[in-house]
Amino acid sequence: MEGYPGLVVHGPLMTLALAETLRLEGRAERVTRVGHRNDRPLFCGRPARLRGRRTADGFTLDLHGPEAATPCTTLTMAAR
């Protein structure tokens, strides 16, 4: 045990879930580049919120846990 309050959500799984969110929204653009950054753990069973914004060359999605304003995971996708 590492002293965490519960099970940790797998970081690449969070990234995949963010990418799937864009796909389900029906984004028609062709994705040309994907980047992700996992900065903090997200724990199973805890609430999380998604923040998205369009950027000059695509999209950025941030997944925030309940503990802080900084994201647990950030996904950036360049599209054309």
PDB file of N, CA and C in Angstrom:
ATOM      1  N   MET A   1       0.839  -1.194   0.000  1.00  0.00           N
ATOM      2  CA  MET A   1       0.000   0.000   0.000  1.00  0.00           C
ATOM      3  C   MET A   1       0.880   1.252   0.000  1.00  0.00           C
ATOM      4  N   GLU A   2       0.443   2.238  -0.731  1.00  0.00           N
ATOM      5  CA  GLU A   2       1.179   3.495  -0.839  1.00  0.00           C
ATOM      6  C   GLU A   2       0.531   4.606  -0.027  1.00  0.00           C
ATOM      7  N   GLY A   3      -0.469   4.279   0.756  1.00  0.00           N
ATOM      8  CA  GLY A   3      -1.130   5.283   1.563  1.00  0.00           C
ATOM      9  C   GLY A   3      -2.222   6.059   0.855  1.00  0.00           C
ATOM     10  N   TYR A   4      -2.618   5.602  -0.326  1.00  0.00           N
ATOM     11  CA  TYR A   4      -3.693   6.259  -1.057  1.00  0.00           C
ATOM     12  C   TYR A   4      -5.041   5.920  -0.433  1.00  0.00           C
ATOM     13  N   PRO A   5      -6.036   6.797  -0.594  1.00  0.00           N
ATOM     14  CA  PRO A   5      -7.349   6.557   0.008  1.00  0.00           C
ATOM     15  C   PRO A   5      -8.205   5.529  -0.728  1.00  0.00           C
ATOM     16  N   GLY A   6      -7.718   5.001  -1.843  1.00  0.00           N
ATOM     17  CA  GLY A   6      -8.479   4.012  -2.601  1.00  0.00           C
ATOM     18  C   GLY A   6      -7.714   3.573  -3.823  1.00  0.00           C
ATOM     19  N   LEU A   7      -8.386   2.828  -4.689  1.00  0.00           N
ATOM     20  CA  LEU A   7      -7.762   2.368  -5.924  1.00  0.00           C
ATOM     21  C   LEU A   7      -7.506   3.542  -6.860  1.00  0.00           C
ATOM     22  N   VAL A   8      -6.366   3.512  -7.518  1.00  0.00           N
ATOM     23  CA  VAL A   8      -5.984   4.569  -8.452  1.00  0.00           C
ATOM     24  C   VAL A   8      -6.458   4.176  -9.851  1.00  0.00           C
ATOM     25  N   VAL A   9      -7.079   5.121 -10.565  1.00  0.00           N
ATOM     26  CA  VAL A   9      -7.486   4.902 -11.942  1.00  0.00           C
ATOM     27  C   VAL A   9      -6.226   4.906 -12.806  1.00  0.00           C
ATOM     28  N   HIS A  10      -6.109   3.944 -13.687  1.00  0.00           N
ATOM     29  CA  HIS A  10      -4.963   3.796 -14.568  1.00  0.00           C
ATOM     30  C   HIS A  10      -4.823   5.039 -15.452  1.00  0.00           C
ATOM     31  N   GLY A  11      -3.660   5.677 -15.464  1.00  0.00           N
ATOM     32  CA  GLY A  11      -3.439   6.914 -16.206  1.00  0.00           C
ATOM     33  C   GLY A  11      -3.749   6.825 -17.694  1.00  0.00           C
ATOM     34  N   PRO A  12      -3.187   5.838 -18.415  1.00  0.00           N
ATOM     35  CA  PRO A  12      -3.520   5.724 -19.839  1.00  0.00           C
ATOM     36  C   PRO A  12      -5.006   5.443 -20.079  1.00  0.00           C
ATOM     37  N   LEU A  13      -5.681   4.811 -19.139  1.00  0.00           N
ATOM     38  CA  LEU A  13      -7.123   4.597 -19.274  1.00  0.00           C
ATOM     39  C   LEU A  13      -7.866   5.932 -19.211  1.00  0.00           C
ATOM     40  N   MET A  14      -7.413   6.842 -18.357  1.00  0.00           N
ATOM     41  CA  MET A  14      -8.023   8.174 -18.309  1.00  0.00           C
ATOM     42  C   MET A  14      -7.834   8.887 -19.645  1.00  0.00           C
ATOM     43  N   THR A  15      -6.645   8.767 -20.238  1.00  0.00           N
ATOM     44  CA  THR A  15      -6.375   9.384 -21.533  1.00  0.00           C
ATOM     45  C   THR A  15      -7.280   8.805 -22.609  1.00  0.00           C
ATOM     46  N   LEU A  16      -7.436   7.494 -22.620  1.00  0.00           N
ATOM     47  CA  LEU A  16      -8.308   6.848 -23.596  1.00  0.00           C
ATOM     48  C   LEU A  16      -9.755   7.317 -23.429  1.00  0.00           C
ATOM     49  N   ALA A  17     -10.200   7.468 -22.198  1.00  0.00           N
ATOM     50  CA  ALA A  17     -11.568   7.943 -21.945  1.00  0.00           C
ATOM     51  C   ALA A  17     -11.759   9.368 -22.465  1.00  0.00           C
ATOM     52  N   LEU A  18     -10.766  10.203 -22.326  1.00  0.00           N
ATOM     53  CA  LEU A  18     -10.862  11.571 -22.852  1.00  0.00           C
ATOM     54  C   LEU A  18     -10.924  11.564 -24.377  1.00  0.00           C
ATOM     55  N   ALA A  19     -10.102  10.751 -25.017  1.00  0.00           N
ATOM     56  CA  ALA A  19     -10.136  10.655 -26.480  1.00  0.00           C
ATOM     57  C   ALA A  19     -11.489  10.120 -26.949  1.00  0.00           C
ATOM     58  N   GLU A  20     -12.034   9.165 -26.239  1.00  0.00           N
ATOM     59  CA  GLU A  20     -13.333   8.593 -26.593  1.00  0.00           C
ATOM     60  C   GLU A  20     -14.439   9.640 -26.448  1.00  0.00           C
ATOM     61  N   THR A  21     -14.311  10.533 -25.516  1.00  0.00           N
ATOM     62  CA  THR A  21     -15.291  11.610 -25.351  1.00  0.00           C
ATOM     63  C   THR A  21     -15.378  12.450 -26.621  1.00  0.00           C
ATOM     64  N   LEU A  22     -14.227  12.799 -27.177  1.00  0.00           N
ATOM     65  CA  LEU A  22     -14.231  13.571 -28.428  1.00  0.00           C
ATOM     66  C   LEU A  22     -14.842  12.766 -29.571  1.00  0.00           C
ATOM     67  N   ARG A  23     -14.537  11.483 -29.655  1.00  0.00           N
ATOM     68  CA  ARG A  23     -15.087  10.651 -30.723  1.00  0.00           C
ATOM     69  C   ARG A  23     -16.603  10.562 -30.624  1.00  0.00           C
ATOM     70  N   LEU A  24     -17.105  10.385 -29.407  1.00  0.00           N
ATOM     71  CA  LEU A  24     -18.552  10.264 -29.212  1.00  0.00           C
ATOM     72  C   LEU A  24     -19.285  11.567 -29.515  1.00  0.00           C
ATOM     73  N   GLU A  25     -18.585  12.690 -29.391  1.00  0.00           N
ATOM     74  CA  GLU A  25     -19.193  13.975 -29.735  1.00  0.00           C
ATOM     75  C   GLU A  25     -19.290  14.166 -31.241  1.00  0.00           C
ATOM     76  N   GLY A  26     -18.710  13.255 -32.013  1.00  0.00           N
ATOM     77  CA  GLY A  26     -18.806  13.322 -33.467  1.00  0.00           C
ATOM     78  C   GLY A  26     -17.886  14.331 -34.109  1.00  0.00           C
ATOM     79  N   ARG A  27     -16.741  14.551 -33.518  1.00  0.00           N
ATOM     80  CA  ARG A  27     -15.779  15.483 -34.115  1.00  0.00           C
ATOM     81  C   ARG A  27     -15.347  14.940 -35.468  1.00  0.00           C
ATOM     82  N   ALA A  28     -15.545  15.711 -36.514  1.00  0.00           N
ATOM     83  CA  ALA A  28     -15.283  15.250 -37.874  1.00  0.00           C
ATOM     84  C   ALA A  28     -13.830  15.466 -38.291  1.00  0.00           C
ATOM     85  N   GLU A  29     -13.110  16.288 -37.570  1.00  0.00           N
ATOM     86  CA  GLU A  29     -11.735  16.581 -37.955  1.00  0.00           C
ATOM     87  C   GLU A  29     -10.860  15.329 -37.871  1.00  0.00           C
ATOM     88  N   ARG A  30      -9.873  15.286 -38.729  1.00  0.00           N
ATOM     89  CA  ARG A  30      -8.905  14.197 -38.710  1.00  0.00           C
ATOM     90  C   ARG A  30      -7.837  14.533 -37.676  1.00  0.00           C
ATOM     91  N   VAL A  31      -7.617  13.648 -36.730  1.00  0.00           N
ATOM     92  CA  VAL A  31      -6.621  13.865 -35.683  1.00  0.00           C
ATOM     93  C   VAL A  31      -5.237  13.643 -36.272  1.00  0.00           C
ATOM     94  N   THR A  32      -4.354  14.614 -36.060  1.00  0.00           N
ATOM     95  CA  THR A  32      -2.998  14.523 -36.589  1.00  0.00           C
ATOM     96  C   THR A  32      -1.945  14.329 -35.510  1.00  0.00           C
ATOM     97  N   ARG A  33      -2.286  14.648 -34.262  1.00  0.00           N
ATOM     98  CA  ARG A  33      -1.325  14.508 -33.166  1.00  0.00           C
ATOM     99  C   ARG A  33      -2.089  14.409 -31.851  1.00  0.00           C
ATOM    100  N   VAL A  34      -1.632  13.532 -30.966  1.00  0.00           N
ATOM    101  CA  VAL A  34      -2.239  13.367 -29.651  1.00  0.00           C
ATOM    102  C   VAL A  34      -1.132  13.462 -28.609  1.00  0.00           C
ATOM    103  N   GLY A  35      -1.387  14.199 -27.560  1.00  0.00           N
ATOM    104  CA  GLY A  35      -0.461  14.268 -26.434  1.00  0.00           C
ATOM    105  C   GLY A  35      -1.240  14.132 -25.138  1.00  0.00           C
ATOM    106  N   HIS A  36      -0.624  13.560 -24.131  1.00  0.00           N
ATOM    107  CA  HIS A  36      -1.300  13.468 -22.837  1.00  0.00           C
ATOM    108  C   HIS A  36      -0.295  13.622 -21.711  1.00  0.00           C
ATOM    109  N   ARG A  37      -0.819  14.048 -20.604  1.00  0.00           N
ATOM    110  CA  ARG A  37       0.002  14.229 -19.403  1.00  0.00           C
ATOM    111  C   ARG A  37      -0.826  13.829 -18.202  1.00  0.00           C
ATOM    112  N   ASN A  38      -0.316  12.880 -17.439  1.00  0.00           N
ATOM    113  CA  ASN A  38      -0.954  12.465 -16.191  1.00  0.00           C
ATOM    114  C   ASN A  38      -0.165  13.079 -15.041  1.00  0.00           C
ATOM    115  N   ASP A  39      -0.792  14.025 -14.329  1.00  0.00           N
ATOM    116  CA  ASP A  39      -0.090  14.770 -13.285  1.00  0.00           C
ATOM    117  C   ASP A  39      -0.409  14.322 -11.856  1.00  0.00           C
ATOM    118  N   ARG A  40      -1.618  13.855 -11.651  1.00  0.00           N
ATOM    119  CA  ARG A  40      -2.036  13.479 -10.296  1.00  0.00           C
ATOM    120  C   ARG A  40      -2.913  12.247 -10.384  1.00  0.00           C
ATOM    121  N   PRO A  41      -2.985  11.474  -9.305  1.00  0.00           N
ATOM    122  CA  PRO A  41      -3.865  10.304  -9.344  1.00  0.00           C
ATOM    123  C   PRO A  41      -5.336  10.698  -9.229  1.00  0.00           C
ATOM    124  N   LEU A  42      -6.160   9.889  -9.858  1.00  0.00           N
ATOM    125  CA  LEU A  42      -7.610   9.977  -9.706  1.00  0.00           C
ATOM    126  C   LEU A  42      -8.034   8.663  -9.071  1.00  0.00           C
ATOM    127  N   PHE A  43      -8.884   8.729  -8.059  1.00  0.00           N
ATOM    128  CA  PHE A  43      -9.243   7.542  -7.305  1.00  0.00           C
ATOM    129  C   PHE A  43     -10.627   7.040  -7.689  1.00  0.00           C
ATOM    130  N   CYS A  44     -10.749   5.733  -7.791  1.00  0.00           N
ATOM    131  CA  CYS A  44     -12.023   5.094  -8.140  1.00  0.00           C
ATOM    132  C   CYS A  44     -13.116   5.507  -7.158  1.00  0.00           C
ATOM    133  N   GLY A  45     -14.301   5.740  -7.701  1.00  0.00           N
ATOM    134  CA  GLY A  45     -15.444   6.073  -6.869  1.00  0.00           C
ATOM    135  C   GLY A  45     -15.534   7.524  -6.448  1.00  0.00           C
ATOM    136  N   ARG A  46     -14.560   8.327  -6.827  1.00  0.00           N
ATOM    137  CA  ARG A  46     -14.582   9.754  -6.490  1.00  0.00           C
ATOM    138  C   ARG A  46     -15.086  10.544  -7.683  1.00  0.00           C
ATOM    139  N   PRO A  47     -15.770  11.657  -7.451  1.00  0.00           N
ATOM    140  CA  PRO A  47     -16.267  12.457  -8.577  1.00  0.00           C
ATOM    141  C   PRO A  47     -15.123  13.106  -9.351  1.00  0.00           C
ATOM    142  N   ALA A  48     -15.373  13.334 -10.621  1.00  0.00           N
ATOM    143  CA  ALA A  48     -14.416  14.017 -11.481  1.00  0.00           C
ATOM    144  C   ALA A  48     -15.211  14.874 -12.460  1.00  0.00           C
ATOM    145  N   ARG A  49     -14.576  15.893 -12.964  1.00  0.00           N
ATOM    146  CA  ARG A  49     -15.254  16.742 -13.953  1.00  0.00           C
ATOM    147  C   ARG A  49     -14.313  16.973 -15.128  1.00  0.00           C
ATOM    148  N   LEU A  50     -14.931  17.168 -16.261  1.00  0.00           N
ATOM    149  CA  LEU A  50     -14.216  17.327 -17.519  1.00  0.00           C
ATOM    150  C   LEU A  50     -14.337  18.771 -17.974  1.00  0.00           C
ATOM    151  N   ARG A  51     -13.220  19.346 -18.382  1.00  0.00           N
ATOM    152  CA  ARG A  51     -13.215  20.696 -18.946  1.00  0.00           C
ATOM    153  C   ARG A  51     -12.562  20.620 -20.316  1.00  0.00           C
ATOM    154  N   GLY A  52     -13.244  21.134 -21.313  1.00  0.00           N
ATOM    155  CA  GLY A  52     -12.713  21.097 -22.668  1.00  0.00           C
ATOM    156  C   GLY A  52     -12.697  22.474 -23.286  1.00  0.00           C
ATOM    157  N   ARG A  53     -11.788  22.648 -24.211  1.00  0.00           N
ATOM    158  CA  ARG A  53     -11.726  23.912 -24.945  1.00  0.00           C
ATOM    159  C   ARG A  53     -11.105  23.661 -26.304  1.00  0.00           C
ATOM    160  N   ARG A  54     -11.580  24.414 -27.251  1.00  0.00           N
ATOM    161  CA  ARG A  54     -11.011  24.363 -28.604  1.00  0.00           C
ATOM    162  C   ARG A  54      -9.767  25.236 -28.594  1.00  0.00           C
ATOM    163  N   THR A  55      -8.733  24.768 -29.252  1.00  0.00           N
ATOM    164  CA  THR A  55      -7.496  25.530 -29.388  1.00  0.00           C
ATOM    165  C   THR A  55      -7.306  25.875 -30.862  1.00  0.00           C
ATOM    166  N   ALA A  56      -6.256  26.615 -31.172  1.00  0.00           N
ATOM    167  CA  ALA A  56      -6.002  27.027 -32.550  1.00  0.00           C
ATOM    168  C   ALA A  56      -5.847  25.839 -33.491  1.00  0.00           C
ATOM    169  N   ASP A  57      -5.293  24.730 -32.992  1.00  0.00           N
ATOM    170  CA  ASP A  57      -5.067  23.582 -33.875  1.00  0.00           C
ATOM    171  C   ASP A  57      -5.809  22.314 -33.456  1.00  0.00           C
ATOM    172  N   GLY A  58      -6.771  22.414 -32.537  1.00  0.00           N
ATOM    173  CA  GLY A  58      -7.506  21.208 -32.134  1.00  0.00           C
ATOM    174  C   GLY A  58      -8.293  21.393 -30.860  1.00  0.00           C
ATOM    175  N   PHE A  59      -8.045  20.500 -29.892  1.00  0.00           N
ATOM    176  CA  PHE A  59      -8.802  20.488 -28.642  1.00  0.00           C
ATOM    177  C   PHE A  59      -7.875  20.188 -27.472  1.00  0.00           C
ATOM    178  N   THR A  60      -8.279  20.655 -26.301  1.00  0.00           N
ATOM    179  CA  THR A  60      -7.635  20.266 -25.059  1.00  0.00           C
ATOM    180  C   THR A  60      -8.736  19.875 -24.084  1.00  0.00           C
ATOM    181  N   LEU A  61      -8.578  18.714 -23.467  1.00  0.00           N
ATOM    182  CA  LEU A  61      -9.512  18.247 -22.446  1.00  0.00           C
ATOM    183  C   LEU A  61      -8.742  18.025 -21.160  1.00  0.00           C
ATOM    184  N   ASP A  62      -9.273  18.495 -20.049  1.00  0.00           N
ATOM    185  CA  ASP A  62      -8.679  18.290 -18.737  1.00  0.00           C
ATOM    186  C   ASP A  62      -9.661  17.502 -17.877  1.00  0.00           C
ATOM    187  N   LEU A  63      -9.145  16.515 -17.148  1.00  0.00           N
ATOM    188  CA  LEU A  63      -9.948  15.746 -16.214  1.00  0.00           C
ATOM    189  C   LEU A  63      -9.513  16.135 -14.808  1.00  0.00           C
ATOM    190  N   HIS A  64     -10.446  16.695 -14.037  1.00  0.00           N
ATOM    191  CA  HIS A  64     -10.159  17.175 -12.687  1.00  0.00           C
ATOM    192  C   HIS A  64     -10.799  16.265 -11.657  1.00  0.00           C
ATOM    193  N   GLY A  65     -10.041  15.929 -10.638  1.00  0.00           N
ATOM    194  CA  GLY A  65     -10.586  15.209  -9.493  1.00  0.00           C
ATOM    195  C   GLY A  65     -11.170  16.195  -8.503  1.00  0.00           C
ATOM    196  N   PRO A  66     -11.748  15.705  -7.411  1.00  0.00           N
ATOM    197  CA  PRO A  66     -12.423  16.592  -6.466  1.00  0.00           C
ATOM    198  C   PRO A  66     -11.480  17.371  -5.544  1.00  0.00           C
ATOM    199  N   GLU A  67     -10.220  16.978  -5.475  1.00  0.00           N
ATOM    200  CA  GLU A  67      -9.331  17.549  -4.457  1.00  0.00           C
ATOM    201  C   GLU A  67      -8.691  18.887  -4.827  1.00  0.00           C
ATOM    202  N   ALA A  68      -8.502  19.153  -6.120  1.00  0.00           N
ATOM    203  CA  ALA A  68      -7.732  20.348  -6.483  1.00  0.00           C
ATOM    204  C   ALA A  68      -8.191  20.915  -7.818  1.00  0.00           C
ATOM    205  N   ALA A  69      -7.760  22.119  -8.073  1.00  0.00           N
ATOM    206  CA  ALA A  69      -8.113  22.789  -9.330  1.00  0.00           C
ATOM    207  C   ALA A  69      -7.216  22.345 -10.480  1.00  0.00           C
ATOM    208  N   THR A  70      -6.051  21.780 -10.171  1.00  0.00           N
ATOM    209  CA  THR A  70      -5.170  21.322 -11.249  1.00  0.00           C
ATOM    210  C   THR A  70      -5.647  19.974 -11.772  1.00  0.00           C
ATOM    211  N   PRO A  71      -5.530  19.745 -13.083  1.00  0.00           N
ATOM    212  CA  PRO A  71      -6.057  18.506 -13.657  1.00  0.00           C
ATOM    213  C   PRO A  71      -5.248  17.276 -13.275  1.00  0.00           C
ATOM    214  N   CYS A  72      -5.932  16.136 -13.227  1.00  0.00           N
ATOM    215  CA  CYS A  72      -5.264  14.850 -13.047  1.00  0.00           C
ATOM    216  C   CYS A  72      -4.629  14.431 -14.371  1.00  0.00           C
ATOM    217  N   THR A  73      -5.371  14.628 -15.441  1.00  0.00           N
ATOM    218  CA  THR A  73      -4.933  14.229 -16.783  1.00  0.00           C
ATOM    219  C   THR A  73      -5.313  15.322 -17.773  1.00  0.00           C
ATOM    220  N   THR A  74      -4.433  15.588 -18.722  1.00  0.00           N
ATOM    221  CA  THR A  74      -4.701  16.526 -19.805  1.00  0.00           C
ATOM    222  C   THR A  74      -4.449  15.817 -21.121  1.00  0.00           C
ATOM    223  N   LEU A  75      -5.390  15.958 -22.037  1.00  0.00           N
ATOM    224  CA  LEU A  75      -5.263  15.393 -23.382  1.00  0.00           C
ATOM    225  C   LEU A  75      -5.307  16.544 -24.365  1.00  0.00           C
ATOM    226  N   THR A  76      -4.323  16.600 -25.265  1.00  0.00           N
ATOM    227  CA  THR A  76      -4.346  17.588 -26.337  1.00  0.00           C
ATOM    228  C   THR A  76      -4.385  16.829 -27.652  1.00  0.00           C
ATOM    229  N   MET A  77      -5.245  17.287 -28.548  1.00  0.00           N
ATOM    230  CA  MET A  77      -5.368  16.656 -29.859  1.00  0.00           C
ATOM    231  C   MET A  77      -5.321  17.737 -30.928  1.00  0.00           C
ATOM    232  N   ALA A  78      -4.375  17.589 -31.852  1.00  0.00           N
ATOM    233  CA  ALA A  78      -4.340  18.480 -33.002  1.00  0.00           C
ATOM    234  C   ALA A  78      -5.164  17.829 -34.099  1.00  0.00           C
ATOM    235  N   ALA A  79      -5.940  18.637 -34.788  1.00  0.00           N
ATOM    236  CA  ALA A  79      -6.823  18.111 -35.840  1.00  0.00           C
ATOM    237  C   ALA A  79      -6.855  19.081 -36.996  1.00  0.00           C
ATOM    238  N   ARG A  80      -7.240  18.527 -38.147  1.00  0.00           N
ATOM    239  CA  ARG A  80      -7.432  19.400 -39.316  1.00  0.00           C
ATOM    240  C   ARG A  80      -8.691  19.000 -40.029  1.00  0.00           C
TER     241      ARG A  80
END
